[in-house]
Protein backbone atom coordinates (compact mmCIF):
# COMPACT_ATOMS: atom_id res chain seq x y z
CA MET A 1 -3.63 -3.74 13.22
CA PHE A 2 -3.10 -6.84 11.11
CA TYR A 3 -0.07 -8.10 9.24
CA LEU A 4 -0.62 -10.43 6.31
CA ASP A 5 1.74 -11.76 3.68
CA PHE A 6 0.59 -10.89 0.19
CA LYS A 7 0.33 -14.59 -0.66
CA ASP A 8 -2.16 -15.03 2.21
CA LEU A 9 -4.37 -12.18 1.07
CA SER A 10 -7.65 -13.27 -0.43
CA PRO A 11 -10.96 -11.49 -1.08
CA GLU A 12 -12.50 -13.42 1.83
CA VAL A 13 -9.77 -12.47 4.31
CA PHE A 14 -9.78 -8.89 3.09
CA GLU A 15 -13.55 -8.64 3.52
CA ALA A 16 -13.35 -10.10 7.04
CA VAL A 17 -10.62 -7.67 8.13
CA ASN A 18 -12.25 -4.70 6.31
CA PRO A 19 -9.34 -2.26 6.81
CA ASP A 20 -9.53 1.53 6.56
CA LEU A 21 -5.82 1.77 5.75
CA VAL A 22 -3.41 -0.54 3.92
CA VAL A 23 0.34 0.08 4.11
CA SER A 24 2.90 -1.85 2.11
CA PRO A 25 6.41 -1.43 0.79
CA ALA A 26 6.75 -0.17 -2.76
CA ILE A 27 8.74 -3.26 -3.71
CA ALA A 28 8.75 -6.42 -1.63
CA THR A 29 10.14 -9.89 -2.17
CA THR A 30 6.89 -11.42 -3.41
CA PHE A 31 4.90 -8.44 -4.74
CA ASP A 32 5.04 -4.77 -5.59
CA CYS A 33 2.67 -1.88 -5.00
CA LEU A 34 1.08 -2.21 -8.45
CA GLU A 35 0.00 -5.76 -7.64
CA MET A 36 -1.38 -4.63 -4.28
CA ALA A 37 -3.17 -1.70 -5.91
CA GLN A 38 -4.72 -4.06 -8.44
CA PHE A 39 -5.93 -6.37 -5.65
CA LEU A 40 -7.37 -3.43 -3.70
CA SER A 41 -9.08 -2.03 -6.78
CA GLN A 42 -10.61 -5.41 -7.65
CA SER A 43 -11.78 -5.70 -4.02
CA ASN A 44 -13.55 -2.32 -4.28
CA PHE A 45 -11.41 -0.99 -1.43
CA THR A 46 -12.56 2.49 -0.38
CA GLY A 47 -9.95 3.20 2.29
CA ARG A 48 -6.46 4.62 1.97
CA TYR A 49 -3.49 2.79 0.45
CA ARG A 50 -0.06 4.07 1.43
CA VAL A 51 3.29 2.83 0.20
CA SER A 52 6.30 3.12 2.45
CA THR A 53 9.45 4.01 0.56
CA ASP A 54 13.01 3.37 1.55
CA ASN A 55 15.39 5.59 -0.39
CA LEU A 56 13.56 5.44 -3.70
CA PRO A 57 15.08 8.15 -5.88
CA ARG A 58 11.83 9.22 -7.63
CA PRO A 59 8.73 8.17 -5.62
CA GLU A 60 6.58 10.52 -7.69
CA ILE A 61 6.94 8.09 -10.61
CA ILE A 62 5.26 5.37 -8.55
CA CYS A 63 2.50 7.80 -7.53
CA ARG A 64 1.84 8.80 -11.09
CA GLU A 65 1.70 5.22 -12.37
CA VAL A 66 -0.56 3.90 -9.60
CA ARG A 67 -2.90 6.89 -9.83
CA GLN A 68 -3.10 6.55 -13.61
CA LEU A 69 -3.87 2.82 -13.51
CA PHE A 70 -6.17 2.97 -10.46
CA PRO A 71 -7.72 6.46 -10.37
CA LEU A 72 -10.38 5.58 -7.77
CA LEU A 73 -7.79 4.37 -5.25
CA ASP A 74 -6.79 6.81 -2.48
CA PHE A 75 -3.04 6.31 -2.93
CA ASP A 76 0.05 8.10 -1.70
CA VAL A 77 3.68 7.49 -0.83
CA VAL A 78 5.00 8.03 2.68
CA HIS A 79 8.67 8.21 3.44
CA GLN A 80 9.87 5.92 6.19
CA GLU A 81 11.51 8.81 8.04
CA GLU A 82 8.08 10.45 8.32
CA THR A 83 6.32 7.36 9.64
CA ILE A 84 8.81 6.08 12.21
CA PRO A 85 9.96 8.49 14.90
CA ALA A 86 13.64 8.40 15.75
CA ARG A 87 12.90 8.28 19.46
CA LEU A 88 9.86 7.43 21.50
CA ASN A 89 9.25 9.15 24.84
């Protein structure tokens, strides 16, 4: 698992890491999921891109827009409650 700031992401770094899965917030301080989707598309990314939402009222709007603009990208929205268990045993 790697964590990179969007500003540190470059085609060279992305190629070196070669991820199968990219997870990002829908809207961050320095980028949004459309910018990340554009970068992934331009990098010919063939893995999965998932956006973590935090109380977005209509996440299906984001799905529709990203899928329309980047139809070859394996994209979906995951809700934070689904990805982070409340308690670990």
